[in-house]
Protein backbone atom coordinates (compact mmCIF):
# COMPACT_ATOMS: atom_id res chain seq x y z
CA UNK A 1 0.00 0.00 0.00
CA UNK A 2 2.68 2.52 -0.98
CA UNK A 3 1.17 5.91 -1.77
CA UNK A 4 3.84 6.83 -4.32
CA UNK A 5 6.08 4.61 -6.47
CA UNK A 6 8.76 5.87 -8.85
CA UNK A 7 10.78 3.66 -11.20
CA UNK A 8 13.85 5.18 -12.82
CA UNK A 9 15.86 3.40 -15.50
CA UNK A 10 19.22 4.93 -16.44
CA UNK A 11 21.04 8.14 -15.69
CA UNK A 12 21.34 11.47 -17.44
CA UNK A 13 18.72 13.50 -19.29
CA UNK A 14 15.11 12.29 -19.12
CA UNK A 15 13.86 10.87 -22.43
CA UNK A 16 10.50 9.53 -21.17
CA UNK A 17 8.41 10.28 -18.12
CA UNK A 18 4.93 8.92 -17.62
CA UNK A 19 2.55 7.05 -15.36
CA UNK A 20 1.32 3.48 -15.69
CA UNK A 21 -1.23 2.29 -13.11
CA UNK A 22 -0.22 5.11 -10.76
CA UNK A 23 3.49 4.26 -10.97
CA UNK A 24 5.78 6.97 -12.31
CA UNK A 25 8.26 5.59 -14.83
CA UNK A 26 11.27 7.65 -15.87
CA UNK A 27 13.62 6.50 -18.62
CA UNK A 28 16.89 8.41 -18.87
CA UNK A 29 19.34 8.71 -21.73
CA UNK A 30 21.93 6.22 -20.42
CA UNK A 31 19.32 3.53 -19.80
CA UNK A 32 21.76 0.62 -19.55
CA UNK A 33 23.61 1.83 -16.46
CA UNK A 34 21.30 2.20 -13.49
CA UNK A 35 17.83 1.37 -12.19
CA UNK A 36 15.99 2.33 -9.03
CA UNK A 37 12.56 2.08 -7.47
CA UNK A 38 11.56 4.60 -4.83
CA UNK A 39 8.53 3.95 -2.65
CA UNK A 40 6.75 6.28 -0.24
CA UNK A 41 4.00 5.98 2.32
CA UNK A 42 2.85 8.25 5.14
CA UNK A 43 3.14 5.43 7.65
CA UNK A 44 6.68 3.94 7.57
ModelCIF file with pLDDT and N, C-alpha, C, O atoms, coordinates in Angstrom:
data_MODEL
#
_entry.id   MODEL 
#
_entity.id                         1 
_entity.type                       polymer 
_entity.pdbx_number_of_molecules   1 
#
_entity_poly.entity_id                      1 
_entity_poly.type                           'polypeptide(L)' 
_entity_poly.nstd_linkage                   no 
_entity_poly.nstd_monomer                   no 
_entity_poly.pdbx_seq_one_letter_code       
;(UNK)(UNK)(UNK)(UNK)(UNK)(UNK)(UNK)(UNK)(UNK)(UNK)(UNK)(UNK)(UNK)(UNK)(UNK)(UNK)
(UNK)(UNK)(UNK)(UNK)(UNK)(UNK)(UNK)(UNK)(UNK)(UNK)(UNK)(UNK)(UNK)(UNK)(UNK)(UNK)
(UNK)(UNK)(UNK)(UNK)(UNK)(UNK)(UNK)(UNK)(UNK)(UNK)(UNK)(UNK)
;
_entity_poly.pdbx_seq_one_letter_code_can   XXXXXXXXXXXXXXXXXXXXXXXXXXXXXXXXXXXXXXXXXXXX 
_entity_poly.pdbx_strand_id                 A 
#
loop_
_entity_poly_seq.entity_id 
_entity_poly_seq.num 
_entity_poly_seq.mon_id 
_entity_poly_seq.hetero 
1 1  UNK n 
1 2  UNK n 
1 3  UNK n 
1 4  UNK n 
1 5  UNK n 
1 6  UNK n 
1 7  UNK n 
1 8  UNK n 
1 9  UNK n 
1 10 UNK n 
1 11 UNK n 
1 12 UNK n 
1 13 UNK n 
1 14 UNK n 
1 15 UNK n 
1 16 UNK n 
1 17 UNK n 
1 18 UNK n 
1 19 UNK n 
1 20 UNK n 
1 21 UNK n 
1 22 UNK n 
1 23 UNK n 
1 24 UNK n 
1 25 UNK n 
1 26 UNK n 
1 27 UNK n 
1 28 UNK n 
1 29 UNK n 
1 30 UNK n 
1 31 UNK n 
1 32 UNK n 
1 33 UNK n 
1 34 UNK n 
1 35 UNK n 
1 36 UNK n 
1 37 UNK n 
1 38 UNK n 
1 39 UNK n 
1 40 UNK n 
1 41 UNK n 
1 42 UNK n 
1 43 UNK n 
1 44 UNK n 
#
_struct_asym.id          A 
_struct_asym.entity_id   1 
#
loop_
_ma_qa_metric.id 
_ma_qa_metric.mode 
_ma_qa_metric.name 
_ma_qa_metric.software_group_id 
_ma_qa_metric.type 
1 global pLDDT . pLDDT 
2 local  pLDDT . pLDDT 
#
_ma_qa_metric_global.metric_id      1 
_ma_qa_metric_global.metric_value   92.30 
_ma_qa_metric_global.model_id       1 
_ma_qa_metric_global.ordinal_id     1 
#
loop_
_ma_qa_metric_local.label_asym_id 
_ma_qa_metric_local.label_comp_id 
_ma_qa_metric_local.label_seq_id 
_ma_qa_metric_local.metric_id 
_ma_qa_metric_local.metric_value 
_ma_qa_metric_local.model_id 
_ma_qa_metric_local.ordinal_id 
A UNK 1  2 95.00 1 1  
A UNK 2  2 95.00 1 2  
A UNK 3  2 94.00 1 3  
A UNK 4  2 96.00 1 4  
A UNK 5  2 97.00 1 5  
A UNK 6  2 97.00 1 6  
A UNK 7  2 96.00 1 7  
A UNK 8  2 95.00 1 8  
A UNK 9  2 93.00 1 9  
A UNK 10 2 91.00 1 10 
A UNK 11 2 91.00 1 11 
A UNK 12 2 92.00 1 12 
A UNK 13 2 95.00 1 13 
A UNK 14 2 94.00 1 14 
A UNK 15 2 94.00 1 15 
A UNK 16 2 93.00 1 16 
A UNK 17 2 95.00 1 17 
A UNK 18 2 94.00 1 18 
A UNK 19 2 94.00 1 19 
A UNK 20 2 90.00 1 20 
A UNK 21 2 87.00 1 21 
A UNK 22 2 88.00 1 22 
A UNK 23 2 93.00 1 23 
A UNK 24 2 95.00 1 24 
A UNK 25 2 94.00 1 25 
A UNK 26 2 95.00 1 26 
A UNK 27 2 92.00 1 27 
A UNK 28 2 92.00 1 28 
A UNK 29 2 90.00 1 29 
A UNK 30 2 87.00 1 30 
A UNK 31 2 82.00 1 31 
A UNK 32 2 81.00 1 32 
A UNK 33 2 79.00 1 33 
A UNK 34 2 86.00 1 34 
A UNK 35 2 91.00 1 35 
A UNK 36 2 93.00 1 36 
A UNK 37 2 95.00 1 37 
A UNK 38 2 94.00 1 38 
A UNK 39 2 95.00 1 39 
A UNK 40 2 94.00 1 40 
A UNK 41 2 94.00 1 41 
A UNK 42 2 94.00 1 42 
A UNK 43 2 95.00 1 43 
A UNK 44 2 94.00 1 44 
#
loop_
_atom_site.group_PDB 
_atom_site.id 
_atom_site.type_symbol 
_atom_site.label_atom_id 
_atom_site.label_alt_id 
_atom_site.label_comp_id 
_atom_site.label_asym_id 
_atom_site.label_entity_id 
_atom_site.label_seq_id 
_atom_site.pdbx_PDB_ins_code 
_atom_site.Cartn_x 
_atom_site.Cartn_y 
_atom_site.Cartn_z 
_atom_site.occupancy 
_atom_site.B_iso_or_equiv 
_atom_site.pdbx_formal_charge 
_atom_site.auth_seq_id 
_atom_site.auth_comp_id 
_atom_site.auth_asym_id 
_atom_site.auth_atom_id 
_atom_site.pdbx_PDB_model_num 
ATOM 1   N N  . UNK A 1 1  ? 0.806  -1.228 0.000   1.00 95.00 ? 1  UNK A N  1 
ATOM 2   C CA . UNK A 1 1  ? 0.000  0.000  0.000   1.00 95.00 ? 1  UNK A CA 1 
ATOM 3   C C  . UNK A 1 1  ? 0.839  1.279  0.000   1.00 95.00 ? 1  UNK A C  1 
ATOM 4   O O  . UNK A 1 1  ? 0.542  2.224  0.730   1.00 95.00 ? 1  UNK A O  1 
ATOM 5   N N  . UNK A 1 2  ? 1.883  1.300  -0.819  1.00 95.00 ? 2  UNK A N  1 
ATOM 6   C CA . UNK A 1 2  ? 2.677  2.517  -0.977  1.00 95.00 ? 2  UNK A CA 1 
ATOM 7   C C  . UNK A 1 2  ? 1.808  3.584  -1.629  1.00 95.00 ? 2  UNK A C  1 
ATOM 8   O O  . UNK A 1 2  ? 0.997  3.284  -2.505  1.00 95.00 ? 2  UNK A O  1 
ATOM 9   N N  . UNK A 1 3  ? 1.979  4.829  -1.199  1.00 94.00 ? 3  UNK A N  1 
ATOM 10  C CA . UNK A 1 3  ? 1.174  5.908  -1.771  1.00 94.00 ? 3  UNK A CA 1 
ATOM 11  C C  . UNK A 1 3  ? 1.827  6.488  -3.024  1.00 94.00 ? 3  UNK A C  1 
ATOM 12  O O  . UNK A 1 3  ? 1.152  7.098  -3.854  1.00 94.00 ? 3  UNK A O  1 
ATOM 13  N N  . UNK A 1 4  ? 3.129  6.300  -3.156  1.00 96.00 ? 4  UNK A N  1 
ATOM 14  C CA . UNK A 1 4  ? 3.844  6.832  -4.320  1.00 96.00 ? 4  UNK A CA 1 
ATOM 15  C C  . UNK A 1 4  ? 4.966  5.865  -4.690  1.00 96.00 ? 4  UNK A C  1 
ATOM 16  O O  . UNK A 1 4  ? 5.742  5.443  -3.832  1.00 96.00 ? 4  UNK A O  1 
ATOM 17  N N  . UNK A 1 5  ? 5.044  5.519  -5.979  1.00 97.00 ? 5  UNK A N  1 
ATOM 18  C CA . UNK A 1 5  ? 6.081  4.614  -6.468  1.00 97.00 ? 5  UNK A CA 1 
ATOM 19  C C  . UNK A 1 5  ? 6.704  5.236  -7.709  1.00 97.00 ? 5  UNK A C  1 
ATOM 20  O O  . UNK A 1 5  ? 6.002  5.613  -8.647  1.00 97.00 ? 5  UNK A O  1 
ATOM 21  N N  . UNK A 1 6  ? 8.024  5.340  -7.705  1.00 97.00 ? 6  UNK A N  1 
ATOM 22  C CA . UNK A 1 6  ? 8.763  5.871  -8.851  1.00 97.00 ? 6  UNK A CA 1 
ATOM 23  C C  . UNK A 1 6  ? 9.772  4.827  -9.311  1.00 97.00 ? 6  UNK A C  1 
ATOM 24  O O  . UNK A 1 6  ? 10.537 4.296  -8.505  1.00 97.00 ? 6  UNK A O  1 
ATOM 25  N N  . UNK A 1 7  ? 9.771  4.537  -10.602 1.00 96.00 ? 7  UNK A N  1 
ATOM 26  C CA . UNK A 1 7  ? 10.777 3.659  -11.204 1.00 96.00 ? 7  UNK A CA 1 
ATOM 27  C C  . UNK A 1 7  ? 11.616 4.524  -12.130 1.00 96.00 ? 7  UNK A C  1 
ATOM 28  O O  . UNK A 1 7  ? 11.087 5.229  -12.990 1.00 96.00 ? 7  UNK A O  1 
ATOM 29  N N  . UNK A 1 8  ? 12.934 4.462  -11.946 1.00 95.00 ? 8  UNK A N  1 
ATOM 30  C CA . UNK A 1 8  ? 13.850 5.181  -12.818 1.00 95.00 ? 8  UNK A CA 1 
ATOM 31  C C  . UNK A 1 8  ? 14.809 4.183  -13.440 1.00 95.00 ? 8  UNK A C  1 
ATOM 32  O O  . UNK A 1 8  ? 15.435 3.385  -12.742 1.00 95.00 ? 8  UNK A O  1 
ATOM 33  N N  . UNK A 1 9  ? 14.920 4.238  -14.769 1.00 93.00 ? 9  UNK A N  1 
ATOM 34  C CA . UNK A 1 9  ? 15.863 3.398  -15.499 1.00 93.00 ? 9  UNK A CA 1 
ATOM 35  C C  . UNK A 1 9  ? 16.870 4.326  -16.154 1.00 93.00 ? 9  UNK A C  1 
ATOM 36  O O  . UNK A 1 9  ? 16.498 5.185  -16.953 1.00 93.00 ? 9  UNK A O  1 
ATOM 37  N N  . UNK A 1 10 ? 18.154 4.157  -15.817 1.00 91.00 ? 10 UNK A N  1 
ATOM 38  C CA . UNK A 1 10 ? 19.219 4.928  -16.441 1.00 91.00 ? 10 UNK A CA 1 
ATOM 39  C C  . UNK A 1 10 ? 19.615 6.161  -15.670 1.00 91.00 ? 10 UNK A C  1 
ATOM 40  O O  . UNK A 1 10 ? 19.083 6.455  -14.599 1.00 91.00 ? 10 UNK A O  1 
ATOM 41  N N  . UNK A 1 11 ? 20.564 6.874  -16.244 1.00 91.00 ? 11 UNK A N  1 
ATOM 42  C CA . UNK A 1 11 ? 21.036 8.137  -15.686 1.00 91.00 ? 11 UNK A CA 1 
ATOM 43  C C  . UNK A 1 11 ? 21.099 9.155  -16.820 1.00 91.00 ? 11 UNK A C  1 
ATOM 44  O O  . UNK A 1 11 ? 21.017 8.805  -17.998 1.00 91.00 ? 11 UNK A O  1 
ATOM 45  N N  . UNK A 1 12 ? 21.246 10.420 -16.438 1.00 92.00 ? 12 UNK A N  1 
ATOM 46  C CA . UNK A 1 12 ? 21.336 11.474 -17.444 1.00 92.00 ? 12 UNK A CA 1 
ATOM 47  C C  . UNK A 1 12 ? 19.986 12.110 -17.722 1.00 92.00 ? 12 UNK A C  1 
ATOM 48  O O  . UNK A 1 12 ? 19.052 12.021 -16.925 1.00 92.00 ? 12 UNK A O  1 
ATOM 49  N N  . UNK A 1 13 ? 19.914 12.753 -18.876 1.00 95.00 ? 13 UNK A N  1 
ATOM 50  C CA . UNK A 1 13 ? 18.724 13.502 -19.292 1.00 95.00 ? 13 UNK A CA 1 
ATOM 51  C C  . UNK A 1 13 ? 17.512 12.574 -19.442 1.00 95.00 ? 13 UNK A C  1 
ATOM 52  O O  . UNK A 1 13 ? 17.635 11.453 -19.936 1.00 95.00 ? 13 UNK A O  1 
ATOM 53  N N  . UNK A 1 14 ? 16.353 13.053 -19.014 1.00 94.00 ? 14 UNK A N  1 
ATOM 54  C CA . UNK A 1 14 ? 15.107 12.289 -19.121 1.00 94.00 ? 14 UNK A CA 1 
ATOM 55  C C  . UNK A 1 14 ? 14.658 12.251 -20.582 1.00 94.00 ? 14 UNK A C  1 
ATOM 56  O O  . UNK A 1 14 ? 14.565 13.283 -21.247 1.00 94.00 ? 14 UNK A O  1 
ATOM 57  N N  . UNK A 1 15 ? 14.378 11.022 -21.072 1.00 94.00 ? 15 UNK A N  1 
ATOM 58  C CA . UNK A 1 15 ? 13.855 10.868 -22.434 1.00 94.00 ? 15 UNK A CA 1 
ATOM 59  C C  . UNK A 1 15 ? 12.387 10.445 -22.423 1.00 94.00 ? 15 UNK A C  1 
ATOM 60  O O  . UNK A 1 15 ? 11.690 10.624 -23.422 1.00 94.00 ? 15 UNK A O  1 
ATOM 61  N N  . UNK A 1 16 ? 11.908 9.891  -21.314 1.00 93.00 ? 16 UNK A N  1 
ATOM 62  C CA . UNK A 1 16 ? 10.500 9.529  -21.170 1.00 93.00 ? 16 UNK A CA 1 
ATOM 63  C C  . UNK A 1 16 ? 10.113 9.646  -19.709 1.00 93.00 ? 16 UNK A C  1 
ATOM 64  O O  . UNK A 1 16 ? 10.861 9.245  -18.817 1.00 93.00 ? 16 UNK A O  1 
ATOM 65  N N  . UNK A 1 17 ? 8.939  10.199 -19.480 1.00 95.00 ? 17 UNK A N  1 
ATOM 66  C CA . UNK A 1 17 ? 8.406  10.283 -18.122 1.00 95.00 ? 17 UNK A CA 1 
ATOM 67  C C  . UNK A 1 17 ? 6.898  10.134 -18.235 1.00 95.00 ? 17 UNK A C  1 
ATOM 68  O O  . UNK A 1 17 ? 6.237  10.911 -18.923 1.00 95.00 ? 17 UNK A O  1 
ATOM 69  N N  . UNK A 1 18 ? 6.365  9.138  -17.562 1.00 94.00 ? 18 UNK A N  1 
ATOM 70  C CA . UNK A 1 18 ? 4.932  8.916  -17.621 1.00 94.00 ? 18 UNK A CA 1 
ATOM 71  C C  . UNK A 1 18 ? 4.466  8.066  -16.457 1.00 94.00 ? 18 UNK A C  1 
ATOM 72  O O  . UNK A 1 18 ? 5.256  7.635  -15.618 1.00 94.00 ? 18 UNK A O  1 
ATOM 73  N N  . UNK A 1 19 ? 3.160  7.835  -16.427 1.00 94.00 ? 19 UNK A N  1 
ATOM 74  C CA . UNK A 1 19 ? 2.552  7.048  -15.365 1.00 94.00 ? 19 UNK A CA 1 
ATOM 75  C C  . UNK A 1 19 ? 1.845  5.843  -15.961 1.00 94.00 ? 19 UNK A C  1 
ATOM 76  O O  . UNK A 1 19 ? 1.147  5.950  -16.970 1.00 94.00 ? 19 UNK A O  1 
ATOM 77  N N  . UNK A 1 20 ? 2.034  4.696  -15.325 1.00 90.00 ? 20 UNK A N  1 
ATOM 78  C CA . UNK A 1 20 ? 1.321  3.483  -15.688 1.00 90.00 ? 20 UNK A CA 1 
ATOM 79  C C  . UNK A 1 20 ? 0.758  2.904  -14.393 1.00 90.00 ? 20 UNK A C  1 
ATOM 80  O O  . UNK A 1 20 ? 1.510  2.546  -13.487 1.00 90.00 ? 20 UNK A O  1 
ATOM 81  N N  . UNK A 1 21 ? -0.557 2.814  -14.312 1.00 87.00 ? 21 UNK A N  1 
ATOM 82  C CA . UNK A 1 21 ? -1.233 2.288  -13.115 1.00 87.00 ? 21 UNK A CA 1 
ATOM 83  C C  . UNK A 1 21 ? -0.786 2.999  -11.838 1.00 87.00 ? 21 UNK A C  1 
ATOM 84  O O  . UNK A 1 21 ? -0.602 2.363  -10.800 1.00 87.00 ? 21 UNK A O  1 
ATOM 85  N N  . UNK A 1 22 ? -0.611 4.327  -11.918 1.00 88.00 ? 22 UNK A N  1 
ATOM 86  C CA . UNK A 1 22 ? -0.217 5.111  -10.756 1.00 88.00 ? 22 UNK A CA 1 
ATOM 87  C C  . UNK A 1 22 ? 1.254  5.047  -10.403 1.00 88.00 ? 22 UNK A C  1 
ATOM 88  O O  . UNK A 1 22 ? 1.668  5.614  -9.392  1.00 88.00 ? 22 UNK A O  1 
ATOM 89  N N  . UNK A 1 23 ? 2.052  4.372  -11.212 1.00 93.00 ? 23 UNK A N  1 
ATOM 90  C CA . UNK A 1 23 ? 3.492  4.264  -10.971 1.00 93.00 ? 23 UNK A CA 1 
ATOM 91  C C  . UNK A 1 23 ? 4.210  5.175  -11.952 1.00 93.00 ? 23 UNK A C  1 
ATOM 92  O O  . UNK A 1 23 ? 4.040  5.047  -13.164 1.00 93.00 ? 23 UNK A O  1 
ATOM 93  N N  . UNK A 1 24 ? 5.015  6.095  -11.429 1.00 95.00 ? 24 UNK A N  1 
ATOM 94  C CA . UNK A 1 24 ? 5.776  6.971  -12.305 1.00 95.00 ? 24 UNK A CA 1 
ATOM 95  C C  . UNK A 1 24 ? 6.974  6.198  -12.858 1.00 95.00 ? 24 UNK A C  1 
ATOM 96  O O  . UNK A 1 24 ? 7.733  5.585  -12.108 1.00 95.00 ? 24 UNK A O  1 
ATOM 97  N N  . UNK A 1 25 ? 7.128  6.239  -14.173 1.00 94.00 ? 25 UNK A N  1 
ATOM 98  C CA . UNK A 1 25 ? 8.263  5.588  -14.829 1.00 94.00 ? 25 UNK A CA 1 
ATOM 99  C C  . UNK A 1 25 ? 9.064  6.654  -15.556 1.00 94.00 ? 25 UNK A C  1 
ATOM 100 O O  . UNK A 1 25 ? 8.532  7.415  -16.364 1.00 94.00 ? 25 UNK A O  1 
ATOM 101 N N  . UNK A 1 26 ? 10.356 6.692  -15.251 1.00 95.00 ? 26 UNK A N  1 
ATOM 102 C CA . UNK A 1 26 ? 11.268 7.646  -15.871 1.00 95.00 ? 26 UNK A CA 1 
ATOM 103 C C  . UNK A 1 26 ? 12.368 6.851  -16.566 1.00 95.00 ? 26 UNK A C  1 
ATOM 104 O O  . UNK A 1 26 ? 13.049 6.033  -15.947 1.00 95.00 ? 26 UNK A O  1 
ATOM 105 N N  . UNK A 1 27 ? 12.529 7.104  -17.855 1.00 92.00 ? 27 UNK A N  1 
ATOM 106 C CA . UNK A 1 27 ? 13.620 6.499  -18.625 1.00 92.00 ? 27 UNK A CA 1 
ATOM 107 C C  . UNK A 1 27 ? 14.600 7.624  -18.953 1.00 92.00 ? 27 UNK A C  1 
ATOM 108 O O  . UNK A 1 27 ? 14.218 8.661  -19.495 1.00 92.00 ? 27 UNK A O  1 
ATOM 109 N N  . UNK A 1 28 ? 15.853 7.402  -18.619 1.00 92.00 ? 28 UNK A N  1 
ATOM 110 C CA . UNK A 1 28 ? 16.888 8.413  -18.867 1.00 92.00 ? 28 UNK A CA 1 
ATOM 111 C C  . UNK A 1 28 ? 17.789 7.977  -20.012 1.00 92.00 ? 28 UNK A C  1 
ATOM 112 O O  . UNK A 1 28 ? 17.789 6.814  -20.414 1.00 92.00 ? 28 UNK A O  1 
ATOM 113 N N  . UNK A 1 29 ? 18.545 8.915  -20.522 1.00 90.00 ? 29 UNK A N  1 
ATOM 114 C CA . UNK A 1 29 ? 19.344 8.710  -21.731 1.00 90.00 ? 29 UNK A CA 1 
ATOM 115 C C  . UNK A 1 29 ? 20.270 7.496  -21.637 1.00 90.00 ? 29 UNK A C  1 
ATOM 116 O O  . UNK A 1 29 ? 20.292 6.679  -22.558 1.00 90.00 ? 29 UNK A O  1 
ATOM 117 N N  . UNK A 1 30 ? 21.018 7.359  -20.570 1.00 87.00 ? 30 UNK A N  1 
ATOM 118 C CA . UNK A 1 30 ? 21.927 6.221  -20.419 1.00 87.00 ? 30 UNK A CA 1 
ATOM 119 C C  . UNK A 1 30 ? 21.180 5.106  -19.691 1.00 87.00 ? 30 UNK A C  1 
ATOM 120 O O  . UNK A 1 30 ? 21.435 4.832  -18.519 1.00 87.00 ? 30 UNK A O  1 
ATOM 121 N N  . UNK A 1 31 ? 20.254 4.470  -20.405 1.00 82.00 ? 31 UNK A N  1 
ATOM 122 C CA . UNK A 1 31 ? 19.315 3.529  -19.799 1.00 82.00 ? 31 UNK A CA 1 
ATOM 123 C C  . UNK A 1 31 ? 19.904 2.160  -19.506 1.00 82.00 ? 31 UNK A C  1 
ATOM 124 O O  . UNK A 1 31 ? 19.195 1.295  -18.993 1.00 82.00 ? 31 UNK A O  1 
ATOM 125 N N  . UNK A 1 32 ? 21.163 1.935  -19.808 1.00 81.00 ? 32 UNK A N  1 
ATOM 126 C CA . UNK A 1 32 ? 21.757 0.619  -19.548 1.00 81.00 ? 32 UNK A CA 1 
ATOM 127 C C  . UNK A 1 32 ? 22.607 0.599  -18.285 1.00 81.00 ? 32 UNK A C  1 
ATOM 128 O O  . UNK A 1 32 ? 23.206 -0.425 -17.958 1.00 81.00 ? 32 UNK A O  1 
ATOM 129 N N  . UNK A 1 33 ? 22.666 1.720  -17.572 1.00 79.00 ? 33 UNK A N  1 
ATOM 130 C CA . UNK A 1 33 ? 23.607 1.830  -16.460 1.00 79.00 ? 33 UNK A CA 1 
ATOM 131 C C  . UNK A 1 33 ? 22.982 1.621  -15.086 1.00 79.00 ? 33 UNK A C  1 
ATOM 132 O O  . UNK A 1 33 ? 23.592 0.973  -14.235 1.00 79.00 ? 33 UNK A O  1 
ATOM 133 N N  . UNK A 1 34 ? 21.806 2.139  -14.846 1.00 86.00 ? 34 UNK A N  1 
ATOM 134 C CA . UNK A 1 34 ? 21.301 2.197  -13.486 1.00 86.00 ? 34 UNK A CA 1 
ATOM 135 C C  . UNK A 1 34 ? 19.787 1.973  -13.475 1.00 86.00 ? 34 UNK A C  1 
ATOM 136 O O  . UNK A 1 34 ? 19.104 2.270  -14.455 1.00 86.00 ? 34 UNK A O  1 
ATOM 137 N N  . UNK A 1 35 ? 19.275 1.453  -12.373 1.00 91.00 ? 35 UNK A N  1 
ATOM 138 C CA . UNK A 1 35 ? 17.828 1.370  -12.194 1.00 91.00 ? 35 UNK A CA 1 
ATOM 139 C C  . UNK A 1 35 ? 17.520 1.491  -10.703 1.00 91.00 ? 35 UNK A C  1 
ATOM 140 O O  . UNK A 1 35 ? 18.314 1.095  -9.849  1.00 91.00 ? 35 UNK A O  1 
ATOM 141 N N  . UNK A 1 36 ? 16.346 2.048  -10.418 1.00 93.00 ? 36 UNK A N  1 
ATOM 142 C CA . UNK A 1 36 ? 15.991 2.334  -9.032  1.00 93.00 ? 36 UNK A CA 1 
ATOM 143 C C  . UNK A 1 36 ? 14.480 2.431  -8.897  1.00 93.00 ? 36 UNK A C  1 
ATOM 144 O O  . UNK A 1 36 ? 13.806 2.996  -9.758  1.00 93.00 ? 36 UNK A O  1 
ATOM 145 N N  . UNK A 1 37 ? 13.958 1.883  -7.823  1.00 95.00 ? 37 UNK A N  1 
ATOM 146 C CA . UNK A 1 37 ? 12.557 2.075  -7.473  1.00 95.00 ? 37 UNK A CA 1 
ATOM 147 C C  . UNK A 1 37 ? 12.499 2.766  -6.121  1.00 95.00 ? 37 UNK A C  1 
ATOM 148 O O  . UNK A 1 37 ? 13.102 2.311  -5.148  1.00 95.00 ? 37 UNK A O  1 
ATOM 149 N N  . UNK A 1 38 ? 11.767 3.866  -6.075  1.00 94.00 ? 38 UNK A N  1 
ATOM 150 C CA . UNK A 1 38 ? 11.565 4.603  -4.829  1.00 94.00 ? 38 UNK A CA 1 
ATOM 151 C C  . UNK A 1 38 ? 10.108 4.438  -4.421  1.00 94.00 ? 38 UNK A C  1 
ATOM 152 O O  . UNK A 1 38 ? 9.203  4.577  -5.245  1.00 94.00 ? 38 UNK A O  1 
ATOM 153 N N  . UNK A 1 39 ? 9.889  4.143  -3.152  1.00 95.00 ? 39 UNK A N  1 
ATOM 154 C CA . UNK A 1 39 ? 8.531  3.953  -2.653  1.00 95.00 ? 39 UNK A CA 1 
ATOM 155 C C  . UNK A 1 39 ? 8.307  4.850  -1.441  1.00 95.00 ? 39 UNK A C  1 
ATOM 156 O O  . UNK A 1 39 ? 9.210  5.065  -0.633  1.00 95.00 ? 39 UNK A O  1 
ATOM 157 N N  . UNK A 1 40 ? 7.088  5.367  -1.330  1.00 94.00 ? 40 UNK A N  1 
ATOM 158 C CA . UNK A 1 40 ? 6.753  6.278  -0.244  1.00 94.00 ? 40 UNK A CA 1 
ATOM 159 C C  . UNK A 1 40 ? 5.396  5.912  0.323   1.00 94.00 ? 40 UNK A C  1 
ATOM 160 O O  . UNK A 1 40 ? 4.511  5.409  -0.370  1.00 94.00 ? 40 UNK A O  1 
ATOM 161 N N  . UNK A 1 41 ? 5.268  6.187  1.622   1.00 94.00 ? 41 UNK A N  1 
ATOM 162 C CA . UNK A 1 41 ? 3.998  5.979  2.315   1.00 94.00 ? 41 UNK A CA 1 
ATOM 163 C C  . UNK A 1 41 ? 4.035  6.837  3.569   1.00 94.00 ? 41 UNK A C  1 
ATOM 164 O O  . UNK A 1 41 ? 5.083  6.975  4.200   1.00 94.00 ? 41 UNK A O  1 
ATOM 165 N N  . UNK A 1 42 ? 2.899  7.412  3.932   1.00 94.00 ? 42 UNK A N  1 
ATOM 166 C CA . UNK A 1 42 ? 2.852  8.255  5.136   1.00 94.00 ? 42 UNK A CA 1 
ATOM 167 C C  . UNK A 1 42 ? 3.291  7.484  6.373   1.00 94.00 ? 42 UNK A C  1 
ATOM 168 O O  . UNK A 1 42 ? 4.108  7.964  7.158   1.00 94.00 ? 42 UNK A O  1 
ATOM 169 N N  . UNK A 1 43 ? 2.745  6.291  6.538   1.00 95.00 ? 43 UNK A N  1 
ATOM 170 C CA . UNK A 1 43 ? 3.138  5.426  7.646   1.00 95.00 ? 43 UNK A CA 1 
ATOM 171 C C  . UNK A 1 43 ? 4.386  4.652  7.209   1.00 95.00 ? 43 UNK A C  1 
ATOM 172 O O  . UNK A 1 43 ? 4.369  4.039  6.142   1.00 95.00 ? 43 UNK A O  1 
ATOM 173 N N  . UNK A 1 44 ? 5.458  4.659  7.991   1.00 94.00 ? 44 UNK A N  1 
ATOM 174 C CA . UNK A 1 44 ? 6.676  3.941  7.574   1.00 94.00 ? 44 UNK A CA 1 
ATOM 175 C C  . UNK A 1 44 ? 6.414  2.452  7.347   1.00 94.00 ? 44 UNK A C  1 
ATOM 176 O O  . UNK A 1 44 ? 7.331  1.711  6.994   1.00 94.00 ? 44 UNK A O  1 
#
